[in-house]
Amino acid sequence: MYVGTLSFDLLLGDVRSLKEKRSVVRPIVAELQRKYAVSVAETGEQDLYRRAHIGLAAVSGDAGHLSDLLDRCERLVAGRPEVELLSVRRQFHGDDA
């Protein structure tokens, strides 16, 4: 069994309130959940309206599949024009990781 996590640090574009922040972050979280069936949530910076931290976790029986899945999730977030991806932290846990 392999467990992979991603932690995204995001700078949001033209956002002036926490309500506008939610309208940017929620669709990203929902798309990751829908498209890739991963566990994902906003995990930090809830009180800052131009910054967001999103955490993601996935489990797989195959290390290659999990690595590919994490790559696809990272590309999805990096490709969103309304956010700037400041950093990504990846952790991989498993039998031979």
PDB file of N, CA and C in Angstrom:
ATOM      1  N   MET A   1       0.853  -1.182   0.000  1.00  0.00           N
ATOM      2  CA  MET A   1       0.000   0.000   0.000  1.00  0.00           C
ATOM      3  C   MET A   1       0.894   1.240   0.000  1.00  0.00           C
ATOM      4  N   TYR A   2       0.497   2.215  -0.793  1.00  0.00           N
ATOM      5  CA  TYR A   2       1.237   3.468  -0.910  1.00  0.00           C
ATOM      6  C   TYR A   2       0.293   4.633  -0.644  1.00  0.00           C
ATOM      7  N   VAL A   3       0.811   5.621   0.092  1.00  0.00           N
ATOM      8  CA  VAL A   3       0.052   6.827   0.407  1.00  0.00           C
ATOM      9  C   VAL A   3       0.857   8.021  -0.081  1.00  0.00           C
ATOM     10  N   GLY A   4       0.208   8.887  -0.849  1.00  0.00           N
ATOM     11  CA  GLY A   4       0.863  10.091  -1.331  1.00  0.00           C
ATOM     12  C   GLY A   4       0.088  11.317  -0.915  1.00  0.00           C
ATOM     13  N   THR A   5       0.827  12.368  -0.583  1.00  0.00           N
ATOM     14  CA  THR A   5       0.178  13.630  -0.213  1.00  0.00           C
ATOM     15  C   THR A   5       0.814  14.776  -0.988  1.00  0.00           C
ATOM     16  N   LEU A   6       0.012  15.775  -1.242  1.00  0.00           N
ATOM     17  CA  LEU A   6       0.472  17.028  -1.834  1.00  0.00           C
ATOM     18  C   LEU A   6      -0.023  18.168  -0.964  1.00  0.00           C
ATOM     19  N   SER A   7       0.807  19.164  -0.793  1.00  0.00           N
ATOM     20  CA  SER A   7       0.417  20.373  -0.078  1.00  0.00           C
ATOM     21  C   SER A   7       0.720  21.557  -0.993  1.00  0.00           C
ATOM     22  N   PHE A   8      -0.334  22.263  -1.404  1.00  0.00           N
ATOM     23  CA  PHE A   8      -0.203  23.384  -2.323  1.00  0.00           C
ATOM     24  C   PHE A   8      -0.252  24.701  -1.556  1.00  0.00           C
ATOM     25  N   ASP A   9       0.668  25.598  -1.864  1.00  0.00           N
ATOM     26  CA  ASP A   9       0.640  26.966  -1.348  1.00  0.00           C
ATOM     27  C   ASP A   9       0.276  27.856  -2.533  1.00  0.00           C
ATOM     28  N   LEU A  10      -0.868  28.516  -2.452  1.00  0.00           N
ATOM     29  CA  LEU A  10      -1.405  29.269  -3.579  1.00  0.00           C
ATOM     30  C   LEU A  10      -1.512  30.759  -3.270  1.00  0.00           C
ATOM     31  N   LEU A  11      -1.245  31.569  -4.282  1.00  0.00           N
ATOM     32  CA  LEU A  11      -1.526  32.994  -4.239  1.00  0.00           C
ATOM     33  C   LEU A  11      -2.688  33.223  -5.190  1.00  0.00           C
ATOM     34  N   LEU A  12      -3.768  33.785  -4.669  1.00  0.00           N
ATOM     35  CA  LEU A  12      -4.962  33.997  -5.479  1.00  0.00           C
ATOM     36  C   LEU A  12      -4.871  35.335  -6.193  1.00  0.00           C
ATOM     37  N   GLY A  13      -5.431  35.393  -7.376  1.00  0.00           N
ATOM     38  CA  GLY A  13      -5.364  36.596  -8.216  1.00  0.00           C
ATOM     39  C   GLY A  13      -6.194  37.743  -7.682  1.00  0.00           C
ATOM     40  N   ASP A  14      -7.136  38.201  -8.454  1.00  0.00           N
ATOM     41  CA  ASP A  14      -7.944  39.377  -8.139  1.00  0.00           C
ATOM     42  C   ASP A  14      -9.049  39.015  -7.150  1.00  0.00           C
ATOM     43  N   VAL A  15      -8.664  38.850  -5.891  1.00  0.00           N
ATOM     44  CA  VAL A  15      -9.596  38.463  -4.831  1.00  0.00           C
ATOM     45  C   VAL A  15      -9.547  39.542  -3.757  1.00  0.00           C
ATOM     46  N   ARG A  16     -10.726  40.041  -3.365  1.00  0.00           N
ATOM     47  CA  ARG A  16     -10.773  41.145  -2.399  1.00  0.00           C
ATOM     48  C   ARG A  16     -11.506  40.808  -1.113  1.00  0.00           C
ATOM     49  N   SER A  17     -11.979  39.565  -0.981  1.00  0.00           N
ATOM     50  CA  SER A  17     -12.702  39.208   0.242  1.00  0.00           C
ATOM     51  C   SER A  17     -12.610  37.700   0.447  1.00  0.00           C
ATOM     52  N   LEU A  18     -12.964  37.259   1.639  1.00  0.00           N
ATOM     53  CA  LEU A  18     -12.980  35.823   1.924  1.00  0.00           C
ATOM     54  C   LEU A  18     -14.063  35.116   1.108  1.00  0.00           C
ATOM     55  N   LYS A  19     -15.151  35.818   0.824  1.00  0.00           N
ATOM     56  CA  LYS A  19     -16.214  35.239   0.005  1.00  0.00           C
ATOM     57  C   LYS A  19     -15.712  34.975  -1.424  1.00  0.00           C
ATOM     58  N   GLU A  20     -14.986  35.924  -1.987  1.00  0.00           N
ATOM     59  CA  GLU A  20     -14.403  35.726  -3.315  1.00  0.00           C
ATOM     60  C   GLU A  20     -13.361  34.606  -3.283  1.00  0.00           C
ATOM     61  N   LYS A  21     -12.621  34.530  -2.179  1.00  0.00           N
ATOM     62  CA  LYS A  21     -11.628  33.457  -2.029  1.00  0.00           C
ATOM     63  C   LYS A  21     -12.318  32.099  -2.102  1.00  0.00           C
ATOM     64  N   ARG A  22     -13.417  31.939  -1.388  1.00  0.00           N
ATOM     65  CA  ARG A  22     -14.153  30.668  -1.412  1.00  0.00           C
ATOM     66  C   ARG A  22     -14.613  30.331  -2.822  1.00  0.00           C
ATOM     67  N   SER A  23     -14.991  31.350  -3.589  1.00  0.00           N
ATOM     68  CA  SER A  23     -15.474  31.105  -4.956  1.00  0.00           C
ATOM     69  C   SER A  23     -14.343  30.659  -5.886  1.00  0.00           C
ATOM     70  N   VAL A  24     -13.101  30.858  -5.489  1.00  0.00           N
ATOM     71  CA  VAL A  24     -11.955  30.378  -6.261  1.00  0.00           C
ATOM     72  C   VAL A  24     -11.491  29.009  -5.754  1.00  0.00           C
ATOM     73  N   VAL A  25     -11.409  28.853  -4.441  1.00  0.00           N
ATOM     74  CA  VAL A  25     -10.843  27.632  -3.854  1.00  0.00           C
ATOM     75  C   VAL A  25     -11.803  26.451  -3.962  1.00  0.00           C
ATOM     76  N   ARG A  26     -13.075  26.661  -3.699  1.00  0.00           N
ATOM     77  CA  ARG A  26     -14.035  25.549  -3.729  1.00  0.00           C
ATOM     78  C   ARG A  26     -14.093  24.819  -5.067  1.00  0.00           C
ATOM     79  N   PRO A  27     -14.113  25.518  -6.206  1.00  0.00           N
ATOM     80  CA  PRO A  27     -14.128  24.782  -7.477  1.00  0.00           C
ATOM     81  C   PRO A  27     -12.864  23.946  -7.718  1.00  0.00           C
ATOM     82  N   ILE A  28     -11.722  24.414  -7.242  1.00  0.00           N
ATOM     83  CA  ILE A  28     -10.484  23.642  -7.381  1.00  0.00           C
ATOM     84  C   ILE A  28     -10.585  22.364  -6.561  1.00  0.00           C
ATOM     85  N   VAL A  29     -11.011  22.493  -5.318  1.00  0.00           N
ATOM     86  CA  VAL A  29     -11.178  21.330  -4.437  1.00  0.00           C
ATOM     87  C   VAL A  29     -12.184  20.348  -5.041  1.00  0.00           C
ATOM     88  N   ALA A  30     -13.314  20.862  -5.508  1.00  0.00           N
ATOM     89  CA  ALA A  30     -14.357  19.999  -6.074  1.00  0.00           C
ATOM     90  C   ALA A  30     -13.879  19.283  -7.331  1.00  0.00           C
ATOM     91  N   GLU A  31     -13.140  19.979  -8.186  1.00  0.00           N
ATOM     92  CA  GLU A  31     -12.659  19.345  -9.417  1.00  0.00           C
ATOM     93  C   GLU A  31     -11.648  18.242  -9.118  1.00  0.00           C
ATOM     94  N   LEU A  32     -10.756  18.472  -8.167  1.00  0.00           N
ATOM     95  CA  LEU A  32      -9.803  17.423  -7.781  1.00  0.00           C
ATOM     96  C   LEU A  32     -10.533  16.198  -7.239  1.00  0.00           C
ATOM     97  N   GLN A  33     -11.536  16.423  -6.394  1.00  0.00           N
ATOM     98  CA  GLN A  33     -12.304  15.304  -5.841  1.00  0.00           C
ATOM     99  C   GLN A  33     -13.050  14.551  -6.933  1.00  0.00           C
ATOM    100  N   ARG A  34     -13.707  15.286  -7.822  1.00  0.00           N
ATOM    101  CA  ARG A  34     -14.519  14.675  -8.857  1.00  0.00           C
ATOM    102  C   ARG A  34     -13.670  13.947  -9.896  1.00  0.00           C
ATOM    103  N   LYS A  35     -12.635  14.601 -10.356  1.00  0.00           N
ATOM    104  CA  LYS A  35     -11.851  14.081 -11.471  1.00  0.00           C
ATOM    105  C   LYS A  35     -10.912  12.950 -11.059  1.00  0.00           C
ATOM    106  N   TYR A  36     -10.364  13.019  -9.851  1.00  0.00           N
ATOM    107  CA  TYR A  36      -9.335  12.062  -9.449  1.00  0.00           C
ATOM    108  C   TYR A  36      -9.678  11.231  -8.215  1.00  0.00           C
ATOM    109  N   ALA A  37     -10.823  11.430  -7.603  1.00  0.00           N
ATOM    110  CA  ALA A  37     -11.275  10.673  -6.432  1.00  0.00           C
ATOM    111  C   ALA A  37     -10.228  10.669  -5.318  1.00  0.00           C
ATOM    112  N   VAL A  38      -9.701  11.847  -5.012  1.00  0.00           N
ATOM    113  CA  VAL A  38      -8.730  12.004  -3.934  1.00  0.00           C
ATOM    114  C   VAL A  38      -9.388  12.736  -2.770  1.00  0.00           C
ATOM    115  N   SER A  39      -8.767  12.658  -1.616  1.00  0.00           N
ATOM    116  CA  SER A  39      -9.226  13.428  -0.464  1.00  0.00           C
ATOM    117  C   SER A  39      -8.511  14.774  -0.505  1.00  0.00           C
ATOM    118  N   VAL A  40      -9.270  15.846  -0.455  1.00  0.00           N
ATOM    119  CA  VAL A  40      -8.670  17.177  -0.582  1.00  0.00           C
ATOM    120  C   VAL A  40      -9.475  18.184   0.221  1.00  0.00           C
ATOM    121  N   ALA A  41      -8.765  19.162   0.806  1.00  0.00           N
ATOM    122  CA  ALA A  41      -9.423  20.195   1.603  1.00  0.00           C
ATOM    123  C   ALA A  41      -8.522  21.416   1.698  1.00  0.00           C
ATOM    124  N   GLU A  42      -9.139  22.561   1.957  1.00  0.00           N
ATOM    125  CA  GLU A  42      -8.359  23.750   2.291  1.00  0.00           C
ATOM    126  C   GLU A  42      -7.831  23.550   3.697  1.00  0.00           C
ATOM    127  N   THR A  43      -6.515  23.637   3.866  1.00  0.00           N
ATOM    128  CA  THR A  43      -5.908  23.249   5.139  1.00  0.00           C
ATOM    129  C   THR A  43      -5.230  24.389   5.883  1.00  0.00           C
ATOM    130  N   GLY A  44      -5.183  25.567   5.300  1.00  0.00           N
ATOM    131  CA  GLY A  44      -4.519  26.659   6.006  1.00  0.00           C
ATOM    132  C   GLY A  44      -4.797  27.998   5.362  1.00  0.00           C
ATOM    133  N   GLU A  45      -4.379  29.042   6.055  1.00  0.00           N
ATOM    134  CA  GLU A  45      -4.539  30.428   5.588  1.00  0.00           C
ATOM    135  C   GLU A  45      -6.000  30.797   5.366  1.00  0.00           C
ATOM    136  N   GLN A  46      -6.904  30.240   6.171  1.00  0.00           N
ATOM    137  CA  GLN A  46      -8.327  30.532   5.995  1.00  0.00           C
ATOM    138  C   GLN A  46      -8.670  31.995   6.262  1.00  0.00           C
ATOM    139  N   ASP A  47      -7.851  32.697   7.035  1.00  0.00           N
ATOM    140  CA  ASP A  47      -8.173  34.089   7.364  1.00  0.00           C
ATOM    141  C   ASP A  47      -7.543  35.100   6.403  1.00  0.00           C
ATOM    142  N   LEU A  48      -6.712  34.631   5.472  1.00  0.00           N
ATOM    143  CA  LEU A  48      -6.090  35.517   4.487  1.00  0.00           C
ATOM    144  C   LEU A  48      -6.801  35.342   3.147  1.00  0.00           C
ATOM    145  N   TYR A  49      -7.269  36.436   2.559  1.00  0.00           N
ATOM    146  CA  TYR A  49      -8.098  36.285   1.370  1.00  0.00           C
ATOM    147  C   TYR A  49      -7.312  36.107   0.074  1.00  0.00           C
ATOM    148  N   ARG A  50      -6.011  36.377   0.047  1.00  0.00           N
ATOM    149  CA  ARG A  50      -5.241  36.173  -1.193  1.00  0.00           C
ATOM    150  C   ARG A  50      -4.321  34.965  -1.128  1.00  0.00           C
ATOM    151  N   ARG A  51      -4.342  34.227  -0.034  1.00  0.00           N
ATOM    152  CA  ARG A  51      -3.488  33.036   0.090  1.00  0.00           C
ATOM    153  C   ARG A  51      -4.364  31.843   0.453  1.00  0.00           C
ATOM    154  N   ALA A  52      -3.914  30.665   0.021  1.00  0.00           N
ATOM    155  CA  ALA A  52      -4.630  29.433   0.361  1.00  0.00           C
ATOM    156  C   ALA A  52      -3.645  28.279   0.408  1.00  0.00           C
ATOM    157  N   HIS A  53      -3.886  27.382   1.320  1.00  0.00           N
ATOM    158  CA  HIS A  53      -3.173  26.110   1.376  1.00  0.00           C
ATOM    159  C   HIS A  53      -4.208  25.023   1.131  1.00  0.00           C
ATOM    160  N   ILE A  54      -3.896  24.118   0.221  1.00  0.00           N
ATOM    161  CA  ILE A  54      -4.769  22.992  -0.067  1.00  0.00           C
ATOM    162  C   ILE A  54      -3.969  21.718   0.150  1.00  0.00           C
ATOM    163  N   GLY A  55      -4.535  20.796   0.904  1.00  0.00           N
ATOM    164  CA  GLY A  55      -3.907  19.502   1.147  1.00  0.00           C
ATOM    165  C   GLY A  55      -4.665  18.407   0.425  1.00  0.00           C
ATOM    166  N   LEU A  56      -3.916  17.423  -0.073  1.00  0.00           N
ATOM    167  CA  LEU A  56      -4.492  16.347  -0.870  1.00  0.00           C
ATOM    168  C   LEU A  56      -3.837  15.036  -0.457  1.00  0.00           C
ATOM    169  N   ALA A  57      -4.626  13.968  -0.393  1.00  0.00           N
ATOM    170  CA  ALA A  57      -4.091  12.652  -0.075  1.00  0.00           C
ATOM    171  C   ALA A  57      -4.740  11.596  -0.957  1.00  0.00           C
ATOM    172  N   ALA A  58      -3.954  10.571  -1.312  1.00  0.00           N
ATOM    173  CA  ALA A  58      -4.453   9.473  -2.131  1.00  0.00           C
ATOM    174  C   ALA A  58      -3.757   8.185  -1.706  1.00  0.00           C
ATOM    175  N   VAL A  59      -4.452   7.072  -1.897  1.00  0.00           N
ATOM    176  CA  VAL A  59      -3.931   5.751  -1.547  1.00  0.00           C
ATOM    177  C   VAL A  59      -4.037   4.855  -2.770  1.00  0.00           C
ATOM    178  N   SER A  60      -3.001   4.025  -2.985  1.00  0.00           N
ATOM    179  CA  SER A  60      -3.014   3.104  -4.115  1.00  0.00           C
ATOM    180  C   SER A  60      -2.179   1.875  -3.791  1.00  0.00           C
ATOM    181  N   GLY A  61      -2.470   0.805  -4.466  1.00  0.00           N
ATOM    182  CA  GLY A  61      -1.677  -0.410  -4.322  1.00  0.00           C
ATOM    183  C   GLY A  61      -0.475  -0.427  -5.237  1.00  0.00           C
ATOM    184  N   ASP A  62      -0.384   0.546  -6.150  1.00  0.00           N
ATOM    185  CA  ASP A  62       0.696   0.590  -7.137  1.00  0.00           C
ATOM    186  C   ASP A  62       1.413   1.928  -7.047  1.00  0.00           C
ATOM    187  N   ALA A  63       2.717   1.908  -6.803  1.00  0.00           N
ATOM    188  CA  ALA A  63       3.488   3.143  -6.636  1.00  0.00           C
ATOM    189  C   ALA A  63       3.486   3.984  -7.907  1.00  0.00           C
ATOM    190  N   GLY A  64       3.604   3.365  -9.061  1.00  0.00           N
ATOM    191  CA  GLY A  64       3.618   4.099 -10.321  1.00  0.00           C
ATOM    192  C   GLY A  64       2.317   4.811 -10.584  1.00  0.00           C
ATOM    193  N   HIS A  65       1.209   4.122 -10.318  1.00  0.00           N
ATOM    194  CA  HIS A  65      -0.111   4.737 -10.494  1.00  0.00           C
ATOM    195  C   HIS A  65      -0.272   5.937  -9.576  1.00  0.00           C
ATOM    196  N   LEU A  66       0.154   5.796  -8.323  1.00  0.00           N
ATOM    197  CA  LEU A  66       0.019   6.883  -7.360  1.00  0.00           C
ATOM    198  C   LEU A  66       0.861   8.085  -7.773  1.00  0.00           C
ATOM    199  N   SER A  67       2.077   7.838  -8.220  1.00  0.00           N
ATOM    200  CA  SER A  67       2.946   8.930  -8.662  1.00  0.00           C
ATOM    201  C   SER A  67       2.330   9.662  -9.848  1.00  0.00           C
ATOM    202  N   ASP A  68       1.768   8.922 -10.787  1.00  0.00           N
ATOM    203  CA  ASP A  68       1.100   9.521 -11.952  1.00  0.00           C
ATOM    204  C   ASP A  68      -0.118  10.340 -11.523  1.00  0.00           C
ATOM    205  N   LEU A  69      -0.885   9.822 -10.590  1.00  0.00           N
ATOM    206  CA  LEU A  69      -2.060  10.525 -10.081  1.00  0.00           C
ATOM    207  C   LEU A  69      -1.666  11.848  -9.427  1.00  0.00           C
ATOM    208  N   LEU A  70      -0.628  11.829  -8.601  1.00  0.00           N
ATOM    209  CA  LEU A  70      -0.165  13.062  -7.947  1.00  0.00           C
ATOM    210  C   LEU A  70       0.342  14.067  -8.980  1.00  0.00           C
ATOM    211  N   ASP A  71       1.025  13.580 -10.010  1.00  0.00           N
ATOM    212  CA  ASP A  71       1.480  14.471 -11.082  1.00  0.00           C
ATOM    213  C   ASP A  71       0.299  15.152 -11.769  1.00  0.00           C
ATOM    214  N   ARG A  72      -0.749  14.376 -12.073  1.00  0.00           N
ATOM    215  CA  ARG A  72      -1.923  14.937 -12.747  1.00  0.00           C
ATOM    216  C   ARG A  72      -2.627  15.968 -11.868  1.00  0.00           C
ATOM    217  N   CYS A  73      -2.719  15.692 -10.575  1.00  0.00           N
ATOM    218  CA  CYS A  73      -3.338  16.650  -9.649  1.00  0.00           C
ATOM    219  C   CYS A  73      -2.529  17.940  -9.591  1.00  0.00           C
ATOM    220  N   GLU A  74      -1.221  17.812  -9.551  1.00  0.00           N
ATOM    221  CA  GLU A  74      -0.368  19.003  -9.510  1.00  0.00           C
ATOM    222  C   GLU A  74      -0.508  19.829 -10.790  1.00  0.00           C
ATOM    223  N   ARG A  75      -0.558  19.168 -11.934  1.00  0.00           N
ATOM    224  CA  ARG A  75      -0.730  19.886 -13.201  1.00  0.00           C
ATOM    225  C   ARG A  75      -2.074  20.605 -13.263  1.00  0.00           C
ATOM    226  N   LEU A  76      -3.118  19.975 -12.725  1.00  0.00           N
ATOM    227  CA  LEU A  76      -4.436  20.604 -12.725  1.00  0.00           C
ATOM    228  C   LEU A  76      -4.402  21.917 -11.948  1.00  0.00           C
ATOM    229  N   VAL A  77      -3.818  21.886 -10.743  1.00  0.00           N
ATOM    230  CA  VAL A  77      -3.772  23.099  -9.918  1.00  0.00           C
ATOM    231  C   VAL A  77      -2.855  24.140 -10.560  1.00  0.00           C
ATOM    232  N   ALA A  78      -1.710  23.717 -11.062  1.00  0.00           N
ATOM    233  CA  ALA A  78      -0.764  24.654 -11.680  1.00  0.00           C
ATOM    234  C   ALA A  78      -1.347  25.300 -12.934  1.00  0.00           C
ATOM    235  N   GLY A  79      -2.257  24.615 -13.602  1.00  0.00           N
ATOM    236  CA  GLY A  79      -2.842  25.132 -14.824  1.00  0.00           C
ATOM    237  C   GLY A  79      -4.013  26.070 -14.633  1.00  0.00           C
ATOM    238  N   ARG A  80      -4.441  26.255 -13.403  1.00  0.00           N
ATOM    239  CA  ARG A  80      -5.572  27.154 -13.155  1.00  0.00           C
ATOM    240  C   ARG A  80      -5.104  28.607 -13.290  1.00  0.00           C
ATOM    241  N   PRO A  81      -5.725  29.390 -14.179  1.00  0.00           N
ATOM    242  CA  PRO A  81      -5.253  30.758 -14.409  1.00  0.00           C
ATOM    243  C   PRO A  81      -5.551  31.723 -13.257  1.00  0.00           C
ATOM    244  N   GLU A  82      -6.497  31.393 -12.407  1.00  0.00           N
ATOM    245  CA  GLU A  82      -6.877  32.317 -11.336  1.00  0.00           C
ATOM    246  C   GLU A  82      -5.995  32.211 -10.094  1.00  0.00           C
ATOM    247  N   VAL A  83      -5.055  31.245 -10.092  1.00  0.00           N
ATOM    248  CA  VAL A  83      -4.144  31.100  -8.956  1.00  0.00           C
ATOM    249  C   VAL A  83      -2.709  30.996  -9.447  1.00  0.00           C
ATOM    250  N   GLU A  84      -1.797  31.405  -8.571  1.00  0.00           N
ATOM    251  CA  GLU A  84      -0.366  31.215  -8.827  1.00  0.00           C
ATOM    252  C   GLU A  84       0.122  30.180  -7.827  1.00  0.00           C
ATOM    253  N   LEU A  85       0.707  29.111  -8.326  1.00  0.00           N
ATOM    254  CA  LEU A  85       1.217  28.042  -7.479  1.00  0.00           C
ATOM    255  C   LEU A  85       2.589  28.462  -6.957  1.00  0.00           C
ATOM    256  N   LEU A  86       2.655  28.790  -5.663  1.00  0.00           N
ATOM    257  CA  LEU A  86       3.909  29.249  -5.071  1.00  0.00           C
ATOM    258  C   LEU A  86       4.833  28.085  -4.745  1.00  0.00           C
ATOM    259  N   SER A  87       4.257  26.998  -4.197  1.00  0.00           N
ATOM    260  CA  SER A  87       5.069  25.824  -3.883  1.00  0.00           C
ATOM    261  C   SER A  87       4.178  24.604  -3.748  1.00  0.00           C
ATOM    262  N   VAL A  88       4.809  23.450  -3.921  1.00  0.00           N
ATOM    263  CA  VAL A  88       4.140  22.166  -3.744  1.00  0.00           C
ATOM    264  C   VAL A  88       5.065  21.291  -2.912  1.00  0.00           C
ATOM    265  N   ARG A  89       4.503  20.683  -1.905  1.00  0.00           N
ATOM    266  CA  ARG A  89       5.273  19.730  -1.096  1.00  0.00           C
ATOM    267  C   ARG A  89       4.655  18.356  -1.314  1.00  0.00           C
ATOM    268  N   ARG A  90       5.474  17.409  -1.742  1.00  0.00           N
ATOM    269  CA  ARG A  90       5.006  16.053  -2.035  1.00  0.00           C
ATOM    270  C   ARG A  90       5.640  15.091  -1.036  1.00  0.00           C
ATOM    271  N   GLN A  91       4.803  14.213  -0.484  1.00  0.00           N
ATOM    272  CA  GLN A  91       5.296  13.148   0.385  1.00  0.00           C
ATOM    273  C   GLN A  91       4.739  11.832  -0.114  1.00  0.00           C
ATOM    274  N   PHE A  92       5.571  10.815  -0.033  1.00  0.00           N
ATOM    275  CA  PHE A  92       5.223   9.494  -0.553  1.00  0.00           C
ATOM    276  C   PHE A  92       5.606   8.483   0.516  1.00  0.00           C
ATOM    277  N   HIS A  93       4.643   7.692   0.962  1.00  0.00           N
ATOM    278  CA  HIS A  93       4.883   6.688   1.991  1.00  0.00           C
ATOM    279  C   HIS A  93       4.471   5.327   1.439  1.00  0.00           C
ATOM    280  N   GLY A  94       5.297   4.331   1.685  1.00  0.00           N
ATOM    281  CA  GLY A  94       4.940   3.007   1.210  1.00  0.00           C
ATOM    282  C   GLY A  94       5.974   1.975   1.596  1.00  0.00           C
ATOM    283  N   ASP A  95       5.750   0.771   1.116  1.00  0.00           N
ATOM    284  CA  ASP A  95       6.607  -0.350   1.472  1.00  0.00           C
ATOM    285  C   ASP A  95       8.045  -0.147   1.035  1.00  0.00           C
ATOM    286  N   ASP A  96       8.256   0.454  -0.140  1.00  0.00           N
ATOM    287  CA  ASP A  96       9.612   0.662  -0.624  1.00  0.00           C
ATOM    288  C   ASP A  96       9.920   2.119  -0.919  1.00  0.00           C
ATOM    289  N   ALA A  97       9.180   3.037  -0.254  1.00  0.00           N
ATOM    290  CA  ALA A  97       9.401   4.476  -0.475  1.00  0.00           C
ATOM    291  C   ALA A  97      10.375   5.041   0.537  1.00  0.00           C
TER     292      ALA A  97
END
